[in-house]
Amino acid sequence: MRESVTYLALQRPMLSAGIGMKAVALIWPGTALVCLLAMSPLPLAVGLAAHVVLRWAYKKDPQVIAIYLKYAETADHYQPYVRERCKGAQRPIGYGRGVRC
């Protein structure tokens, strides 16, 4: 039986300072804008804290942002149970129509 060689470097996302590029693009430009508008270095501490938390999360699972974005997209629409009054996808007559799984 043949086994294919899988290079982990090809499966992991590119990280910048330990977090993904989308997270970097979300945190630091917003932090810089708030710093400029507030004329205070305090938002830098908040941005650094967010960076540290996301770095910890990326260390646990490098796909954490992709997973969260997929969840945020389907959170209100996905229902893992059978709905009682589902009219769109009913079973044909004679095949347990009206019987819950």
PDB file of N, CA and C in Angstrom:
ATOM      1  N   MET A   1       0.840  -1.180   0.000  1.00  0.00           N
ATOM      2  CA  MET A   1       0.000   0.000   0.000  1.00  0.00           C
ATOM      3  C   MET A   1       0.885   1.243   0.000  1.00  0.00           C
ATOM      4  N   ARG A   2       0.532   2.208  -0.839  1.00  0.00           N
ATOM      5  CA  ARG A   2       1.324   3.423  -0.954  1.00  0.00           C
ATOM      6  C   ARG A   2       0.805   4.472   0.010  1.00  0.00           C
ATOM      7  N   GLU A   3       1.698   5.249   0.526  1.00  0.00           N
ATOM      8  CA  GLU A   3       1.332   6.365   1.392  1.00  0.00           C
ATOM      9  C   GLU A   3       1.878   7.640   0.783  1.00  0.00           C
ATOM     10  N   SER A   4       1.067   8.667   0.774  1.00  0.00           N
ATOM     11  CA  SER A   4       1.542   9.936   0.231  1.00  0.00           C
ATOM     12  C   SER A   4       2.173  10.766   1.345  1.00  0.00           C
ATOM     13  N   VAL A   5       3.157  11.523   0.957  1.00  0.00           N
ATOM     14  CA  VAL A   5       3.841  12.384   1.911  1.00  0.00           C
ATOM     15  C   VAL A   5       3.064  13.688   2.006  1.00  0.00           C
ATOM     16  N   THR A   6       2.720  14.070   3.216  1.00  0.00           N
ATOM     17  CA  THR A   6       2.007  15.313   3.434  1.00  0.00           C
ATOM     18  C   THR A   6       2.933  16.278   4.155  1.00  0.00           C
ATOM     19  N   TYR A   7       3.152  17.409   3.545  1.00  0.00           N
ATOM     20  CA  TYR A   7       3.967  18.439   4.161  1.00  0.00           C
ATOM     21  C   TYR A   7       3.061  19.374   4.951  1.00  0.00           C
ATOM     22  N   LEU A   8       3.280  19.445   6.256  1.00  0.00           N
ATOM     23  CA  LEU A   8       2.432  20.275   7.099  1.00  0.00           C
ATOM     24  C   LEU A   8       2.532  21.747   6.749  1.00  0.00           C
ATOM     25  N   ALA A   9       3.682  22.175   6.242  1.00  0.00           N
ATOM     26  CA  ALA A   9       3.845  23.579   5.873  1.00  0.00           C
ATOM     27  C   ALA A   9       2.891  23.989   4.754  1.00  0.00           C
ATOM     28  N   LEU A  10       2.450  23.032   3.944  1.00  0.00           N
ATOM     29  CA  LEU A  10       1.525  23.351   2.864  1.00  0.00           C
ATOM     30  C   LEU A  10       0.085  23.416   3.337  1.00  0.00           C
ATOM     31  N   GLN A  11      -0.210  22.858   4.493  1.00  0.00           N
ATOM     32  CA  GLN A  11      -1.575  22.841   5.010  1.00  0.00           C
ATOM     33  C   GLN A  11      -1.856  23.962   6.000  1.00  0.00           C
ATOM     34  N   ARG A  12      -0.839  24.487   6.614  1.00  0.00           N
ATOM     35  CA  ARG A  12      -1.032  25.540   7.612  1.00  0.00           C
ATOM     36  C   ARG A  12      -1.169  26.888   6.926  1.00  0.00           C
ATOM     37  N   PRO A  13      -1.985  27.779   7.483  1.00  0.00           N
ATOM     38  CA  PRO A  13      -2.098  29.120   6.894  1.00  0.00           C
ATOM     39  C   PRO A  13      -0.858  29.957   7.194  1.00  0.00           C
ATOM     40  N   MET A  14      -0.636  30.972   6.362  1.00  0.00           N
ATOM     41  CA  MET A  14       0.489  31.873   6.607  1.00  0.00           C
ATOM     42  C   MET A  14       0.167  32.735   7.827  1.00  0.00           C
ATOM     43  N   LEU A  15       1.106  32.847   8.734  1.00  0.00           N
ATOM     44  CA  LEU A  15       0.915  33.625   9.952  1.00  0.00           C
ATOM     45  C   LEU A  15       1.863  34.811   9.958  1.00  0.00           C
ATOM     46  N   SER A  16       1.415  35.885  10.539  1.00  0.00           N
ATOM     47  CA  SER A  16       2.237  37.068  10.708  1.00  0.00           C
ATOM     48  C   SER A  16       2.269  37.378  12.197  1.00  0.00           C
ATOM     49  N   ALA A  17       3.442  37.270  12.801  1.00  0.00           N
ATOM     50  CA  ALA A  17       3.615  37.482  14.242  1.00  0.00           C
ATOM     51  C   ALA A  17       2.727  36.534  15.045  1.00  0.00           C
ATOM     52  N   GLY A  18       2.502  35.336  14.532  1.00  0.00           N
ATOM     53  CA  GLY A  18       1.769  34.315  15.263  1.00  0.00           C
ATOM     54  C   GLY A  18       0.278  34.265  15.003  1.00  0.00           C
ATOM     55  N   ILE A  19      -0.276  35.222  14.236  1.00  0.00           N
ATOM     56  CA  ILE A  19      -1.708  35.200  13.933  1.00  0.00           C
ATOM     57  C   ILE A  19      -1.902  35.346  12.429  1.00  0.00           C
ATOM     58  N   GLY A  20      -3.092  35.018  11.960  1.00  0.00           N
ATOM     59  CA  GLY A  20      -3.388  35.054  10.535  1.00  0.00           C
ATOM     60  C   GLY A  20      -3.465  36.467   9.988  1.00  0.00           C
ATOM     61  N   MET A  21      -3.356  36.571   8.675  1.00  0.00           N
ATOM     62  CA  MET A  21      -3.330  37.881   8.030  1.00  0.00           C
ATOM     63  C   MET A  21      -4.662  38.620   8.167  1.00  0.00           C
ATOM     64  N   LYS A  22      -5.792  37.904   8.157  1.00  0.00           N
ATOM     65  CA  LYS A  22      -7.083  38.573   8.331  1.00  0.00           C
ATOM     66  C   LYS A  22      -7.199  39.186   9.721  1.00  0.00           C
ATOM     67  N   ALA A  23      -6.687  38.481  10.708  1.00  0.00           N
ATOM     68  CA  ALA A  23      -6.733  39.002  12.074  1.00  0.00           C
ATOM     69  C   ALA A  23      -5.813  40.208  12.221  1.00  0.00           C
ATOM     70  N   VAL A  24      -4.650  40.156  11.596  1.00  0.00           N
ATOM     71  CA  VAL A  24      -3.739  41.305  11.634  1.00  0.00           C
ATOM     72  C   VAL A  24      -4.393  42.509  10.971  1.00  0.00           C
ATOM     73  N   ALA A  25      -5.034  42.284   9.824  1.00  0.00           N
ATOM     74  CA  ALA A  25      -5.693  43.368   9.112  1.00  0.00           C
ATOM     75  C   ALA A  25      -6.895  43.908   9.870  1.00  0.00           C
ATOM     76  N   LEU A  26      -7.456  43.128  10.758  1.00  0.00           N
ATOM     77  CA  LEU A  26      -8.586  43.582  11.561  1.00  0.00           C
ATOM     78  C   LEU A  26      -8.125  44.357  12.792  1.00  0.00           C
ATOM     79  N   ILE A  27      -7.087  43.886  13.456  1.00  0.00           N
ATOM     80  CA  ILE A  27      -6.672  44.478  14.726  1.00  0.00           C
ATOM     81  C   ILE A  27      -5.889  45.774  14.550  1.00  0.00           C
ATOM     82  N   TRP A  28      -4.788  45.731  13.811  1.00  0.00           N
ATOM     83  CA  TRP A  28      -3.831  46.831  13.854  1.00  0.00           C
ATOM     84  C   TRP A  28      -4.252  48.088  13.112  1.00  0.00           C
ATOM     85  N   PRO A  29      -4.883  48.038  11.961  1.00  0.00           N
ATOM     86  CA  PRO A  29      -5.350  49.301  11.378  1.00  0.00           C
ATOM     87  C   PRO A  29      -6.411  49.990  12.239  1.00  0.00           C
ATOM     88  N   GLY A  30      -7.305  49.195  12.822  1.00  0.00           N
ATOM     89  CA  GLY A  30      -8.300  49.775  13.723  1.00  0.00           C
ATOM     90  C   GLY A  30      -7.671  50.374  14.963  1.00  0.00           C
ATOM     91  N   THR A  31      -6.669  49.695  15.497  1.00  0.00           N
ATOM     92  CA  THR A  31      -5.959  50.208  16.664  1.00  0.00           C
ATOM     93  C   THR A  31      -5.246  51.516  16.330  1.00  0.00           C
ATOM     94  N   ALA A  32      -4.599  51.571  15.175  1.00  0.00           N
ATOM     95  CA  ALA A  32      -3.907  52.792  14.767  1.00  0.00           C
ATOM     96  C   ALA A  32      -4.884  53.945  14.570  1.00  0.00           C
ATOM     97  N   LEU A  33      -6.042  53.667  13.984  1.00  0.00           N
ATOM     98  CA  LEU A  33      -7.042  54.710  13.777  1.00  0.00           C
ATOM     99  C   LEU A  33      -7.569  55.249  15.104  1.00  0.00           C
ATOM    100  N   VAL A  34      -7.853  54.363  16.037  1.00  0.00           N
ATOM    101  CA  VAL A  34      -8.347  54.796  17.349  1.00  0.00           C
ATOM    102  C   VAL A  34      -7.265  55.576  18.095  1.00  0.00           C
ATOM    103  N   CYS A  35      -6.011  55.164  17.966  1.00  0.00           N
ATOM    104  CA  CYS A  35      -4.904  55.895  18.606  1.00  0.00           C
ATOM    105  C   CYS A  35      -4.797  57.311  18.058  1.00  0.00           C
ATOM    106  N   LEU A  36      -4.934  57.435  16.745  1.00  0.00           N
ATOM    107  CA  LEU A  36      -4.851  58.769  16.141  1.00  0.00           C
ATOM    108  C   LEU A  36      -6.022  59.647  16.533  1.00  0.00           C
ATOM    109  N   LEU A  37      -7.211  59.077  16.575  1.00  0.00           N
ATOM    110  CA  LEU A  37      -8.385  59.864  16.929  1.00  0.00           C
ATOM    111  C   LEU A  37      -8.421  60.215  18.411  1.00  0.00           C
ATOM    112  N   ALA A  38      -7.958  59.304  19.266  1.00  0.00           N
ATOM    113  CA  ALA A  38      -8.008  59.536  20.706  1.00  0.00           C
ATOM    114  C   ALA A  38      -6.783  60.294  21.215  1.00  0.00           C
ATOM    115  N   MET A  39      -5.743  60.384  20.387  1.00  0.00           N
ATOM    116  CA  MET A  39      -4.490  61.042  20.795  1.00  0.00           C
ATOM    117  C   MET A  39      -3.944  60.448  22.083  1.00  0.00           C
ATOM    118  N   SER A  40      -4.029  59.117  22.183  1.00  0.00           N
ATOM    119  CA  SER A  40      -3.601  58.432  23.395  1.00  0.00           C
ATOM    120  C   SER A  40      -2.988  57.087  23.011  1.00  0.00           C
ATOM    121  N   PRO A  41      -1.967  56.649  23.745  1.00  0.00           N
ATOM    122  CA  PRO A  41      -1.388  55.329  23.458  1.00  0.00           C
ATOM    123  C   PRO A  41      -2.153  54.171  24.115  1.00  0.00           C
ATOM    124  N   LEU A  42      -3.213  54.456  24.849  1.00  0.00           N
ATOM    125  CA  LEU A  42      -3.969  53.409  25.538  1.00  0.00           C
ATOM    126  C   LEU A  42      -4.550  52.366  24.575  1.00  0.00           C
ATOM    127  N   PRO A  43      -5.082  52.747  23.402  1.00  0.00           N
ATOM    128  CA  PRO A  43      -5.590  51.716  22.480  1.00  0.00           C
ATOM    129  C   PRO A  43      -4.519  50.739  22.005  1.00  0.00           C
ATOM    130  N   LEU A  44      -3.248  51.141  22.040  1.00  0.00           N
ATOM    131  CA  LEU A  44      -2.186  50.198  21.689  1.00  0.00           C
ATOM    132  C   LEU A  44      -2.146  49.018  22.658  1.00  0.00           C
ATOM    133  N   ALA A  45      -2.413  49.280  23.927  1.00  0.00           N
ATOM    134  CA  ALA A  45      -2.449  48.197  24.918  1.00  0.00           C
ATOM    135  C   ALA A  45      -3.612  47.241  24.628  1.00  0.00           C
ATOM    136  N   VAL A  46      -4.745  47.800  24.217  1.00  0.00           N
ATOM    137  CA  VAL A  46      -5.900  46.959  23.887  1.00  0.00           C
ATOM    138  C   VAL A  46      -5.604  46.122  22.636  1.00  0.00           C
ATOM    139  N   GLY A  47      -4.990  46.748  21.628  1.00  0.00           N
ATOM    140  CA  GLY A  47      -4.616  46.010  20.422  1.00  0.00           C
ATOM    141  C   GLY A  47      -3.594  44.922  20.711  1.00  0.00           C
ATOM    142  N   LEU A  48      -2.628  45.219  21.573  1.00  0.00           N
ATOM    143  CA  LEU A  48      -1.628  44.224  21.946  1.00  0.00           C
ATOM    144  C   LEU A  48      -2.264  43.056  22.711  1.00  0.00           C
ATOM    145  N   ALA A  49      -3.212  43.369  23.596  1.00  0.00           N
ATOM    146  CA  ALA A  49      -3.903  42.308  24.338  1.00  0.00           C
ATOM    147  C   ALA A  49      -4.706  41.422  23.381  1.00  0.00           C
ATOM    148  N   ALA A  50      -5.389  42.031  22.413  1.00  0.00           N
ATOM    149  CA  ALA A  50      -6.134  41.246  21.421  1.00  0.00           C
ATOM    150  C   ALA A  50      -5.189  40.384  20.594  1.00  0.00           C
ATOM    151  N   HIS A  51      -4.024  40.926  20.260  1.00  0.00           N
ATOM    152  CA  HIS A  51      -3.036  40.169  19.499  1.00  0.00           C
ATOM    153  C   HIS A  51      -2.536  38.961  20.292  1.00  0.00           C
ATOM    154  N   VAL A  52      -2.282  39.160  21.578  1.00  0.00           N
ATOM    155  CA  VAL A  52      -1.798  38.064  22.428  1.00  0.00           C
ATOM    156  C   VAL A  52      -2.860  36.965  22.553  1.00  0.00           C
ATOM    157  N   VAL A  53      -4.117  37.367  22.728  1.00  0.00           N
ATOM    158  CA  VAL A  53      -5.197  36.378  22.852  1.00  0.00           C
ATOM    159  C   VAL A  53      -5.354  35.594  21.542  1.00  0.00           C
ATOM    160  N   LEU A  54      -5.312  36.295  20.414  1.00  0.00           N
ATOM    161  CA  LEU A  54      -5.438  35.597  19.134  1.00  0.00           C
ATOM    162  C   LEU A  54      -4.215  34.726  18.840  1.00  0.00           C
ATOM    163  N   ARG A  55      -3.057  35.153  19.296  1.00  0.00           N
ATOM    164  CA  ARG A  55      -1.860  34.323  19.106  1.00  0.00           C
ATOM    165  C   ARG A  55      -1.995  33.015  19.875  1.00  0.00           C
ATOM    166  N   TRP A  56      -2.539  33.086  21.079  1.00  0.00           N
ATOM    167  CA  TRP A  56      -2.793  31.874  21.868  1.00  0.00           C
ATOM    168  C   TRP A  56      -3.803  30.982  21.146  1.00  0.00           C
ATOM    169  N   ALA A  57      -4.882  31.595  20.606  1.00  0.00           N
ATOM    170  CA  ALA A  57      -5.907  30.815  19.908  1.00  0.00           C
ATOM    171  C   ALA A  57      -5.342  30.173  18.646  1.00  0.00           C
ATOM    172  N   TYR A  58      -4.488  30.887  17.904  1.00  0.00           N
ATOM    173  CA  TYR A  58      -3.877  30.325  16.702  1.00  0.00           C
ATOM    174  C   TYR A  58      -2.896  29.218  17.038  1.00  0.00           C
ATOM    175  N   LYS A  59      -2.295  29.283  18.204  1.00  0.00           N
ATOM    176  CA  LYS A  59      -1.383  28.204  18.597  1.00  0.00           C
ATOM    177  C   LYS A  59      -2.171  26.916  18.842  1.00  0.00           C
ATOM    178  N   LYS A  60      -3.378  27.055  19.401  1.00  0.00           N
ATOM    179  CA  LYS A  60      -4.231  25.884  19.632  1.00  0.00           C
ATOM    180  C   LYS A  60      -4.779  25.327  18.317  1.00  0.00           C
ATOM    181  N   ASP A  61      -5.254  26.213  17.430  1.00  0.00           N
ATOM    182  CA  ASP A  61      -5.842  25.799  16.159  1.00  0.00           C
ATOM    183  C   ASP A  61      -5.615  26.892  15.123  1.00  0.00           C
ATOM    184  N   PRO A  62      -4.774  26.656  14.122  1.00  0.00           N
ATOM    185  CA  PRO A  62      -4.474  27.696  13.142  1.00  0.00           C
ATOM    186  C   PRO A  62      -5.666  28.097  12.262  1.00  0.00           C
ATOM    187  N   GLN A  63      -6.714  27.302  12.246  1.00  0.00           N
ATOM    188  CA  GLN A  63      -7.889  27.609  11.431  1.00  0.00           C
ATOM    189  C   GLN A  63      -9.001  28.276  12.234  1.00  0.00           C
ATOM    190  N   VAL A  64      -8.691  28.860  13.372  1.00  0.00           N
ATOM    191  CA  VAL A  64      -9.715  29.365  14.283  1.00  0.00           C
ATOM    192  C   VAL A  64     -10.561  30.464  13.639  1.00  0.00           C
ATOM    193  N   ILE A  65      -9.986  31.354  12.883  1.00  0.00           N
ATOM    194  CA  ILE A  65     -10.758  32.431  12.255  1.00  0.00           C
ATOM    195  C   ILE A  65     -11.644  31.871  11.145  1.00  0.00           C
ATOM    196  N   ALA A  66     -11.132  30.948  10.344  1.00  0.00           N
ATOM    197  CA  ALA A  66     -11.938  30.343   9.274  1.00  0.00           C
ATOM    198  C   ALA A  66     -13.130  29.594   9.858  1.00  0.00           C
ATOM    199  N   ILE A  67     -12.912  28.894  10.953  1.00  0.00           N
ATOM    200  CA  ILE A  67     -14.000  28.154  11.601  1.00  0.00           C
ATOM    201  C   ILE A  67     -15.032  29.119  12.170  1.00  0.00           C
ATOM    202  N   TYR A  68     -14.571  30.188  12.809  1.00  0.00           N
ATOM    203  CA  TYR A  68     -15.514  31.152  13.373  1.00  0.00           C
ATOM    204  C   TYR A  68     -16.311  31.854  12.275  1.00  0.00           C
ATOM    205  N   LEU A  69     -15.674  32.221  11.177  1.00  0.00           N
ATOM    206  CA  LEU A  69     -16.391  32.892  10.100  1.00  0.00           C
ATOM    207  C   LEU A  69     -17.440  31.979   9.481  1.00  0.00           C
ATOM    208  N   LYS A  70     -17.138  30.695   9.344  1.00  0.00           N
ATOM    209  CA  LYS A  70     -18.130  29.751   8.834  1.00  0.00           C
ATOM    210  C   LYS A  70     -19.294  29.605   9.817  1.00  0.00           C
ATOM    211  N   TYR A  71     -18.986  29.573  11.127  1.00  0.00           N
ATOM    212  CA  TYR A  71     -20.038  29.501  12.134  1.00  0.00           C
ATOM    213  C   TYR A  71     -20.899  30.764  12.105  1.00  0.00           C
ATOM    214  N   ALA A  72     -20.264  31.930  11.997  1.00  0.00           N
ATOM    215  CA  ALA A  72     -21.007  33.185  11.990  1.00  0.00           C
ATOM    216  C   ALA A  72     -21.930  33.264  10.773  1.00  0.00           C
ATOM    217  N   GLU A  73     -21.540  32.636   9.681  1.00  0.00           N
ATOM    218  CA  GLU A  73     -22.355  32.643   8.465  1.00  0.00           C
ATOM    219  C   GLU A  73     -23.588  31.756   8.607  1.00  0.00           C
ATOM    220  N   THR A  74     -23.455  30.603   9.270  1.00  0.00           N
ATOM    221  CA  THR A  74     -24.545  29.636   9.320  1.00  0.00           C
ATOM    222  C   THR A  74     -25.197  29.498  10.696  1.00  0.00           C
ATOM    223  N   ALA A  75     -24.836  30.317  11.646  1.00  0.00           N
ATOM    224  CA  ALA A  75     -25.308  30.127  13.023  1.00  0.00           C
ATOM    225  C   ALA A  75     -26.823  30.219  13.149  1.00  0.00           C
ATOM    226  N   ASP A  76     -27.448  31.158  12.453  1.00  0.00           N
ATOM    227  CA  ASP A  76     -28.887  31.345  12.603  1.00  0.00           C
ATOM    228  C   ASP A  76     -29.706  30.471  11.663  1.00  0.00           C
ATOM    229  N   HIS A  77     -29.065  29.856  10.682  1.00  0.00           N
ATOM    230  CA  HIS A  77     -29.812  29.100   9.683  1.00  0.00           C
ATOM    231  C   HIS A  77     -29.715  27.591   9.870  1.00  0.00           C
ATOM    232  N   TYR A  78     -28.655  27.120  10.456  1.00  0.00           N
ATOM    233  CA  TYR A  78     -28.454  25.676  10.593  1.00  0.00           C
ATOM    234  C   TYR A  78     -29.229  25.133  11.779  1.00  0.00           C
ATOM    235  N   GLN A  79     -30.009  24.086  11.543  1.00  0.00           N
ATOM    236  CA  GLN A  79     -30.748  23.420  12.607  1.00  0.00           C
ATOM    237  C   GLN A  79     -30.457  21.923  12.500  1.00  0.00           C
ATOM    238  N   PRO A  80     -29.756  21.348  13.477  1.00  0.00           N
ATOM    239  CA  PRO A  80     -29.348  19.946  13.358  1.00  0.00           C
ATOM    240  C   PRO A  80     -30.460  18.942  13.611  1.00  0.00           C
ATOM    241  N   TYR A  81     -31.640  19.390  13.976  1.00  0.00           N
ATOM    242  CA  TYR A  81     -32.729  18.469  14.276  1.00  0.00           C
ATOM    243  C   TYR A  81     -33.790  18.560  13.182  1.00  0.00           C
ATOM    244  N   VAL A  82     -34.667  17.581  13.134  1.00  0.00           N
ATOM    245  CA  VAL A  82     -35.740  17.558  12.153  1.00  0.00           C
ATOM    246  C   VAL A  82     -36.844  18.498  12.612  1.00  0.00           C
ATOM    247  N   ARG A  83     -37.249  19.385  11.733  1.00  0.00           N
ATOM    248  CA  ARG A  83     -38.334  20.306  12.073  1.00  0.00           C
ATOM    249  C   ARG A  83     -39.674  19.610  11.883  1.00  0.00           C
ATOM    250  N   GLU A  84     -40.627  19.950  12.716  1.00  0.00           N
ATOM    251  CA  GLU A  84     -41.915  19.263  12.675  1.00  0.00           C
ATOM    252  C   GLU A  84     -42.749  19.663  11.475  1.00  0.00           C
ATOM    253  N   ARG A  85     -42.741  20.908  11.121  1.00  0.00           N
ATOM    254  CA  ARG A  85     -43.597  21.385  10.053  1.00  0.00           C
ATOM    255  C   ARG A  85     -42.792  21.762   8.806  1.00  0.00           C
ATOM    256  N   CYS A  86     -41.877  20.925   8.414  1.00  0.00           N
ATOM    257  CA  CYS A  86     -41.051  21.180   7.241  1.00  0.00           C
ATOM    258  C   CYS A  86     -41.816  20.758   5.989  1.00  0.00           C
ATOM    259  N   LYS A  87     -42.214  21.723   5.159  1.00  0.00           N
ATOM    260  CA  LYS A  87     -43.004  21.404   3.977  1.00  0.00           C
ATOM    261  C   LYS A  87     -42.145  21.265   2.728  1.00  0.00           C
ATOM    262  N   GLY A  88     -40.918  21.782   2.763  1.00  0.00           N
ATOM    263  CA  GLY A  88     -40.082  21.787   1.564  1.00  0.00           C
ATOM    264  C   GLY A  88     -39.479  20.444   1.229  1.00  0.00           C
ATOM    265  N   ALA A  89     -39.130  19.654   2.207  1.00  0.00           N
ATOM    266  CA  ALA A  89     -38.425  18.396   1.941  1.00  0.00           C
ATOM    267  C   ALA A  89     -39.091  17.255   2.697  1.00  0.00           C
ATOM    268  N   GLN A  90     -40.306  16.921   2.304  1.00  0.00           N
ATOM    269  CA  GLN A  90     -41.013  15.824   2.958  1.00  0.00           C
ATOM    270  C   GLN A  90     -40.730  14.514   2.241  1.00  0.00           C
ATOM    271  N   ARG A  91     -40.896  13.434   2.973  1.00  0.00           N
ATOM    272  CA  ARG A  91     -40.736  12.107   2.375  1.00  0.00           C
ATOM    273  C   ARG A  91     -41.941  11.781   1.497  1.00  0.00           C
ATOM    274  N   PRO A  92     -41.719  10.928   0.503  1.00  0.00           N
ATOM    275  CA  PRO A  92     -42.853  10.518  -0.335  1.00  0.00           C
ATOM    276  C   PRO A  92     -43.858   9.691   0.472  1.00  0.00           C
ATOM    277  N   ILE A  93     -45.078   9.629  -0.014  1.00  0.00           N
ATOM    278  CA  ILE A  93     -46.127   8.853   0.648  1.00  0.00           C
ATOM    279  C   ILE A  93     -45.727   7.380   0.629  1.00  0.00           C
ATOM    280  N   GLY A  94     -45.847   6.716   1.769  1.00  0.00           N
ATOM    281  CA  GLY A  94     -45.487   5.303   1.882  1.00  0.00           C
ATOM    282  C   GLY A  94     -44.066   5.085   2.386  1.00  0.00           C
ATOM    283  N   TYR A  95     -43.314   6.130   2.606  1.00  0.00           N
ATOM    284  CA  TYR A  95     -41.946   6.017   3.069  1.00  0.00           C
ATOM    285  C   TYR A  95     -41.743   6.729   4.417  1.00  0.00           C
ATOM    286  N   GLY A  96     -42.713   6.608   5.288  1.00  0.00           N
ATOM    287  CA  GLY A  96     -42.588   7.178   6.629  1.00  0.00           C
ATOM    288  C   GLY A  96     -42.870   8.671   6.660  1.00  0.00           C
ATOM    289  N   ARG A  97     -43.734   9.142   5.796  1.00  0.00           N
ATOM    290  CA  ARG A  97     -44.069  10.563   5.780  1.00  0.00           C
ATOM    291  C   ARG A  97     -44.764  10.941   7.078  1.00  0.00           C
ATOM    292  N   GLY A  98     -44.321  12.026   7.687  1.00  0.00           N
ATOM    293  CA  GLY A  98     -44.919  12.501   8.925  1.00  0.00           C
ATOM    294  C   GLY A  98     -44.308  11.869  10.175  1.00  0.00           C
ATOM    295  N   VAL A  99     -43.403  10.906  10.007  1.00  0.00           N
ATOM    296  CA  VAL A  99     -42.760  10.245  11.134  1.00  0.00           C
ATOM    297  C   VAL A  99     -41.419  10.943  11.403  1.00  0.00           C
ATOM    298  N   ARG A 100     -41.215  11.365  12.644  1.00  0.00           N
ATOM    299  CA  ARG A 100     -39.947  12.022  12.968  1.00  0.00           C
ATOM    300  C   ARG A 100     -38.839  10.981  13.102  1.00  0.00           C
ATOM    301  N   CYS A 101     -37.684  11.331  12.668  1.00  0.00           N
ATOM    302  CA  CYS A 101     -36.528  10.415  12.750  1.00  0.00           C
ATOM    303  C   CYS A 101     -36.005  10.337  14.165  1.00  0.00           C
TER     304      CYS A 101
END
